[in-house]
Amino acid sequence: MMSIDLKDVKAPAVITVLLFLIAVMGSGVLFIFIYYQQLFYDLDTVKLLLIAFSIGSPIWLVNAFLMSHFNYVDLAAAGGVHLGAIMGAVVSIPIIYIPIIIGFYFDISGEWGIGSIMGLQLIMFLGLVYDDIVLKRHEKKNSKNKDLVGV
């Protein structure tokens, strides 16, 4: 069996793995536990982890893509893939965990939980589009005005 030397483990890799586990695996398991408890108790560990991964990973991948698409992360730069994975996880955590926390305190259906995740994802996407179109256009306009004044 291979031993792992902890001296060779880099900080970005550890942070990426921990955030991945929290954002993808942990959120999926908690989502199943909160909204589909009978399924949680009926599944064995491997099936539970596969379903948890299938719940959390699409959200994480979409958010990692959105962070790179809207130029918050440069994937071509050194360490860009790690940063993209980290940003995708950081953005995914509130999107997934807010419905989980609400479902913990209130008796609501699993469909509501799924719908609220989709709604929060849509709000985040619209916020990114607003930032890209309106705010960055306003910044470009102000920088052109400053260039004209300085002439």
Protein backbone atom coordinates (compact mmCIF):
# COMPACT_ATOMS: atom_id res chain seq x y z
CA MET A 1 0.00 0.00 0.00
CA MET A 2 1.21 3.49 -0.85
CA SER A 3 1.95 5.88 1.97
CA ILE A 4 1.11 9.54 1.65
CA ASP A 5 3.83 11.96 2.66
CA LEU A 6 2.17 15.03 4.13
CA LYS A 7 5.16 17.18 3.21
CA ASP A 8 4.31 16.77 -0.47
CA VAL A 9 0.69 17.90 -0.08
CA LYS A 10 0.19 21.48 -1.25
CA ALA A 11 -2.23 23.93 0.38
CA PRO A 12 -4.32 24.65 -2.76
CA ALA A 13 -4.94 20.92 -3.22
CA VAL A 14 -6.06 20.51 0.39
CA ILE A 15 -8.35 23.54 0.21
CA THR A 16 -9.82 22.33 -3.08
CA VAL A 17 -10.53 18.86 -1.71
CA LEU A 18 -12.05 20.16 1.54
CA LEU A 19 -14.30 22.66 -0.21
CA PHE A 20 -15.28 20.00 -2.74
CA LEU A 21 -16.28 17.64 0.07
CA ILE A 22 -18.26 20.35 1.84
CA ALA A 23 -19.92 21.76 -1.30
CA VAL A 24 -20.63 18.53 -3.15
CA MET A 25 -20.65 15.46 -0.95
CA GLY A 26 -21.73 16.98 2.35
CA SER A 27 -24.48 19.05 0.82
CA GLY A 28 -25.84 16.10 -1.14
CA VAL A 29 -25.96 13.85 1.93
CA LEU A 30 -27.59 16.58 4.02
CA PHE A 31 -30.10 17.36 1.28
CA ILE A 32 -31.15 13.70 1.13
CA PHE A 33 -31.31 13.51 4.93
CA ILE A 34 -33.44 16.65 5.30
CA TYR A 35 -35.84 16.20 2.39
CA TYR A 36 -35.87 12.43 1.76
CA GLN A 37 -35.21 10.78 5.13
CA GLN A 38 -36.65 7.40 4.22
CA LEU A 39 -34.36 7.21 1.20
CA PHE A 40 -31.44 8.20 3.44
CA TYR A 41 -32.14 5.29 5.80
CA ASP A 42 -32.85 2.75 3.04
CA LEU A 43 -29.70 3.30 0.95
CA ASP A 44 -26.35 1.71 1.62
CA THR A 45 -23.29 3.95 1.86
CA VAL A 46 -22.08 3.63 -1.73
CA LYS A 47 -25.48 4.42 -3.22
CA LEU A 48 -25.96 7.31 -0.80
CA LEU A 49 -22.62 8.82 -1.80
CA LEU A 50 -23.37 8.37 -5.51
CA ILE A 51 -26.72 10.12 -5.17
CA ALA A 52 -25.15 12.84 -3.01
CA PHE A 53 -22.49 13.37 -5.68
CA SER A 54 -25.16 13.52 -8.39
CA ILE A 55 -26.99 16.24 -6.44
CA GLY A 56 -24.03 18.45 -5.58
CA SER A 57 -21.65 18.09 -8.51
CA PRO A 58 -23.82 19.68 -11.25
CA ILE A 59 -24.32 22.77 -9.11
CA TRP A 60 -20.60 22.95 -8.38
CA LEU A 61 -19.66 22.47 -12.05
CA VAL A 62 -22.14 25.11 -13.23
CA ASN A 63 -20.83 27.61 -10.70
CA ALA A 64 -17.19 26.88 -11.54
CA PHE A 65 -18.04 27.40 -15.22
CA LEU A 66 -19.90 30.65 -14.49
CA MET A 67 -16.97 32.00 -12.46
CA SER A 68 -14.62 31.37 -15.38
CA HIS A 69 -17.10 32.53 -18.04
CA PHE A 70 -17.68 35.87 -16.34
CA ASN A 71 -13.91 36.34 -15.92
CA TYR A 72 -13.76 35.98 -12.15
CA VAL A 73 -11.24 33.16 -12.63
CA ASP A 74 -8.62 32.80 -15.36
CA LEU A 75 -8.34 29.06 -15.95
CA ALA A 76 -5.32 29.52 -18.24
CA ALA A 77 -3.24 31.13 -15.48
CA ALA A 78 -1.07 29.11 -13.13
CA GLY A 79 -3.33 27.57 -10.48
CA GLY A 80 -6.41 28.71 -12.35
CA VAL A 81 -8.09 25.32 -12.28
CA HIS A 82 -7.67 25.09 -8.50
CA LEU A 83 -9.01 28.61 -8.13
CA GLY A 84 -11.94 27.80 -10.43
CA ALA A 85 -12.79 24.72 -8.36
CA ILE A 86 -12.52 26.71 -5.15
CA MET A 87 -14.69 29.57 -6.47
CA GLY A 88 -17.27 27.09 -7.74
CA ALA A 89 -17.42 25.49 -4.29
CA VAL A 90 -17.58 28.80 -2.43
CA VAL A 91 -20.47 29.99 -4.59
CA SER A 92 -22.23 26.61 -4.38
CA ILE A 93 -22.18 26.39 -0.59
CA PRO A 94 -24.80 29.09 0.12
CA ILE A 95 -26.92 28.04 -2.86
CA ILE A 96 -27.19 24.48 -1.56
CA TYR A 97 -27.09 25.02 2.19
CA ILE A 98 -29.73 27.78 2.46
CA PRO A 99 -32.55 25.38 1.40
CA ILE A 100 -31.05 22.69 3.66
CA ILE A 101 -31.12 25.01 6.69
CA ILE A 102 -34.67 26.16 5.88
CA GLY A 103 -35.75 22.53 5.45
CA PHE A 104 -34.23 21.70 8.83
CA TYR A 105 -36.40 24.25 10.63
CA PHE A 106 -39.59 23.99 8.58
CA ASP A 107 -41.48 20.95 7.32
CA ILE A 108 -41.34 21.49 3.56
CA SER A 109 -41.25 19.10 0.62
CA GLY A 110 -38.25 17.95 -1.38
CA GLU A 111 -39.68 19.60 -4.47
CA TRP A 112 -39.54 22.93 -2.66
CA GLY A 113 -35.89 22.27 -1.79
CA ILE A 114 -35.00 21.50 -5.39
CA GLY A 115 -36.96 24.50 -6.63
CA SER A 116 -35.29 26.81 -4.15
CA ILE A 117 -31.84 25.62 -5.24
CA MET A 118 -32.81 26.32 -8.84
CA GLY A 119 -34.21 29.73 -7.87
CA LEU A 120 -31.08 30.71 -5.95
CA GLN A 121 -28.93 29.55 -8.86
CA LEU A 122 -31.01 31.71 -11.23
CA ILE A 123 -30.68 34.73 -8.93
CA MET A 124 -26.91 34.24 -8.81
CA PHE A 125 -26.75 33.93 -12.60
CA LEU A 126 -28.83 37.09 -13.09
CA GLY A 127 -26.55 38.90 -10.63
CA LEU A 128 -23.51 37.86 -12.67
CA VAL A 129 -25.18 39.01 -15.89
CA TYR A 130 -26.12 42.33 -14.27
CA ASP A 131 -22.56 42.78 -13.03
CA ASP A 132 -21.15 41.95 -16.45
CA ILE A 133 -23.50 44.09 -18.53
CA VAL A 134 -24.46 47.06 -16.39
CA LEU A 135 -21.68 47.61 -13.86
CA LYS A 136 -18.71 46.84 -16.12
CA ARG A 137 -20.19 48.97 -18.91
CA HIS A 138 -20.54 51.81 -16.39
CA GLU A 139 -16.90 51.35 -15.33
CA LYS A 140 -15.73 51.46 -18.96
CA LYS A 141 -17.77 54.62 -19.56
CA ASN A 142 -16.25 56.30 -16.49
CA SER A 143 -12.71 55.31 -17.50
CA LYS A 144 -13.27 56.84 -20.98
CA ASN A 145 -14.52 60.06 -19.38
CA LYS A 146 -11.41 60.22 -17.17
CA ASP A 147 -9.21 59.70 -20.23
CA LEU A 148 -10.97 62.57 -22.04
CA VAL A 149 -10.63 64.90 -19.06
CA GLY A 150 -6.91 64.11 -18.73
CA VAL A 151 -6.25 65.05 -22.41
